[in-house]
Amino acid sequence: MFKFTVNGKPREADVEPEMPLLWVLRDVLDEKGPKFGCGIGQCGACSVHVNGELVRSCSFPVSGAAGKQVVTIEGLEQKGRLHPVQQAWIDHQVPQCGYCQSGQIMAAVSLLKKKPNPTDKDIDDAMTNICRCGTYARIRPAIHTAAKAAAKKSAKA
């Protein structure tokens, strides 16, 4: 039995230790935000945060999440307000098909935690998720917008 917190709620899963976290989230805990894309941790559609670190959940064993905080895209919204990255994605109409976008958003949130005011190069280096639709041209400006919104929010606090 593995115990961890998912999006602020204590959760349990009675599964094999090597089962990928993605399948536990989707099939056992019914968290449908992380998506299956490649199964080898390359595309990033399955990206989530474990104790604040970005992980590709399709290749991350559930045993590695035991006792930790897991955040999926469903957990980014706080008190009815979208995360600045989520809002920027909407404002810039980033998604096309949308399949990879939860992973893209989780990667962008992780980037902004580490680099609150990223350069274009920082964004290009950090955003390694694959988008078959090619929405990269809208992702970069959305991240810059989210960084500005987060900076304004911090300045008010």
Protein backbone atom coordinates (compact mmCIF):
# COMPACT_ATOMS: atom_id res chain seq x y z
CA MET A 1 0.00 0.00 0.00
CA PHE A 2 1.48 3.33 -1.05
CA LYS A 3 0.40 6.52 0.66
CA PHE A 4 1.04 9.98 -0.72
CA THR A 5 -0.71 13.30 -1.21
CA VAL A 6 -2.22 14.12 -4.60
CA ASN A 7 -3.32 17.70 -5.20
CA GLY A 8 -3.48 18.34 -1.46
CA LYS A 9 -5.50 15.23 -0.57
CA PRO A 10 -4.17 12.10 1.15
CA ARG A 11 -4.43 9.13 -1.20
CA GLU A 12 -3.57 5.43 -1.13
CA ALA A 13 -2.91 2.87 -3.83
CA ASP A 14 -2.52 -0.87 -3.35
CA VAL A 15 -0.38 -1.56 -6.41
CA GLU A 16 2.96 -3.09 -7.34
CA PRO A 17 5.94 -0.84 -6.46
CA GLU A 18 7.18 -0.65 -10.05
CA MET A 19 3.82 0.43 -11.47
CA PRO A 20 4.30 3.79 -13.23
CA LEU A 21 2.88 6.72 -11.30
CA LEU A 22 0.95 7.71 -14.44
CA TRP A 23 -1.16 4.56 -14.33
CA VAL A 24 -1.79 4.95 -10.61
CA LEU A 25 -2.91 8.55 -11.13
CA ARG A 26 -5.11 7.82 -14.15
CA ASP A 27 -6.43 4.30 -13.56
CA VAL A 28 -6.47 3.96 -9.78
CA LEU A 29 -7.01 7.53 -8.55
CA ASP A 30 -8.97 8.88 -11.56
CA GLU A 31 -6.73 11.91 -12.14
CA LYS A 32 -7.03 12.28 -15.91
CA GLY A 33 -4.83 15.38 -16.47
CA PRO A 34 -1.54 13.56 -17.04
CA LYS A 35 -1.65 11.81 -20.40
CA PHE A 36 0.09 8.78 -21.87
CA GLY A 37 2.17 9.75 -24.87
CA CYS A 38 5.28 7.67 -25.38
CA GLY A 39 5.75 5.52 -22.28
CA ILE A 40 9.51 6.18 -22.11
CA GLY A 41 9.60 9.65 -20.53
CA GLN A 42 10.47 11.49 -23.73
CA CYS A 43 7.36 13.41 -24.80
CA GLY A 44 6.33 14.90 -21.46
CA ALA A 45 2.54 14.52 -21.81
CA CYS A 46 2.60 12.72 -18.45
CA SER A 47 4.52 15.43 -16.55
CA VAL A 48 3.60 16.02 -12.90
CA HIS A 49 5.38 17.47 -9.88
CA VAL A 50 6.62 15.21 -7.08
CA ASN A 51 7.73 17.23 -4.06
CA GLY A 52 8.00 20.23 -6.36
CA GLU A 53 10.19 18.54 -8.96
CA LEU A 54 9.02 17.90 -12.51
CA VAL A 55 8.84 14.18 -13.31
CA ARG A 56 7.69 12.17 -16.29
CA SER A 57 5.16 9.95 -14.54
CA CYS A 58 5.06 7.27 -17.25
CA SER A 59 8.56 6.16 -16.29
CA PHE A 60 8.48 7.10 -12.59
CA PRO A 61 7.56 4.19 -10.28
CA VAL A 62 4.80 4.78 -7.77
CA SER A 63 7.23 3.64 -5.04
CA GLY A 64 9.19 6.84 -5.71
CA ALA A 65 6.14 8.92 -4.80
CA ALA A 66 5.47 7.18 -1.47
CA GLY A 67 5.13 9.71 1.33
CA LYS A 68 5.48 12.63 -1.08
CA GLN A 69 3.39 15.47 -2.50
CA VAL A 70 2.18 14.87 -6.07
CA VAL A 71 0.64 17.70 -8.07
CA THR A 72 -1.08 17.22 -11.40
CA ILE A 73 -2.59 19.93 -13.57
CA GLU A 74 -5.82 19.49 -11.61
CA GLY A 75 -3.98 20.71 -8.50
CA LEU A 76 -2.66 23.99 -9.94
CA GLU A 77 -5.89 25.92 -9.50
CA GLN A 78 -6.06 27.49 -6.04
CA LYS A 79 -9.23 28.83 -4.40
CA GLY A 80 -11.05 28.93 -7.72
CA ARG A 81 -8.28 30.85 -9.48
CA LEU A 82 -6.26 29.45 -12.32
CA HIS A 83 -2.50 29.34 -11.98
CA PRO A 84 -0.89 32.23 -13.94
CA VAL A 85 0.49 29.70 -16.44
CA GLN A 86 -2.96 28.23 -17.03
CA GLN A 87 -4.40 31.71 -17.57
CA ALA A 88 -1.58 32.64 -19.94
CA TRP A 89 -2.23 29.46 -21.94
CA ILE A 90 -5.84 30.57 -22.38
CA ASP A 91 -4.93 34.19 -23.15
CA HIS A 92 -2.42 33.14 -25.81
CA GLN A 93 -4.63 30.35 -27.16
CA VAL A 94 -1.72 27.93 -26.83
CA PRO A 95 -3.47 24.57 -27.22
CA GLN A 96 -4.37 23.23 -30.60
CA CYS A 97 -5.36 19.60 -30.05
CA GLY A 98 -4.50 20.02 -26.35
CA TYR A 99 -3.24 16.50 -25.71
CA CYS A 100 0.24 17.49 -24.53
CA GLN A 101 -0.75 20.72 -22.88
CA SER A 102 -1.16 19.52 -19.29
CA GLY A 103 2.44 18.32 -19.43
CA GLN A 104 3.54 21.54 -21.13
CA ILE A 105 1.86 23.59 -18.39
CA MET A 106 3.45 21.51 -15.62
CA ALA A 107 6.87 22.00 -17.26
CA ALA A 108 6.29 25.76 -17.53
CA VAL A 109 5.25 25.99 -13.86
CA SER A 110 8.42 24.13 -12.90
CA LEU A 111 10.54 26.46 -15.03
CA LEU A 112 9.01 29.57 -13.43
CA LYS A 113 9.66 28.21 -9.93
CA LYS A 114 13.34 27.93 -10.80
CA LYS A 115 13.62 31.01 -13.02
CA PRO A 116 10.86 33.54 -12.31
CA ASN A 117 11.97 35.76 -15.20
CA PRO A 118 13.22 33.34 -17.87
CA THR A 119 14.93 34.35 -21.07
CA ASP A 120 13.91 32.87 -24.41
CA LYS A 121 16.91 30.55 -24.13
CA ASP A 122 15.83 29.45 -20.63
CA ILE A 123 12.40 28.61 -22.03
CA ASP A 124 13.82 26.76 -25.01
CA ASP A 125 16.16 24.77 -22.76
CA ALA A 126 13.50 23.89 -20.17
CA MET A 127 10.54 23.14 -22.41
CA THR A 128 11.54 19.74 -23.74
CA ASN A 129 8.00 18.40 -24.02
CA ILE A 130 6.90 17.38 -27.50
CA CYS A 131 3.90 18.98 -29.20
CA ARG A 132 2.81 17.29 -32.41
CA CYS A 133 0.76 20.35 -33.36
CA GLY A 134 3.74 22.70 -33.07
CA THR A 135 2.34 25.18 -30.56
CA TYR A 136 5.84 26.18 -29.48
CA ALA A 137 5.49 29.66 -31.03
CA ARG A 138 2.62 30.39 -28.60
CA ILE A 139 4.21 28.67 -25.60
CA ARG A 140 7.14 31.06 -25.27
CA PRO A 141 5.03 34.28 -25.13
CA ALA A 142 2.59 32.57 -22.76
CA ILE A 143 5.43 31.77 -20.36
CA HIS A 144 6.65 35.37 -20.49
CA THR A 145 3.09 36.55 -19.74
CA ALA A 146 2.78 34.14 -16.82
CA ALA A 147 6.13 35.33 -15.44
CA LYS A 148 4.94 38.95 -15.55
CA ALA A 149 1.63 38.03 -13.88
CA ALA A 150 3.44 36.13 -11.13
CA ALA A 151 5.80 39.08 -10.59
CA LYS A 152 2.82 41.46 -10.24
CA LYS A 153 1.17 39.07 -7.80
CA SER A 154 4.38 38.88 -5.72
CA ALA A 155 4.75 42.65 -5.73
CA LYS A 156 1.23 43.06 -4.32
CA ALA A 157 1.81 40.48 -1.57
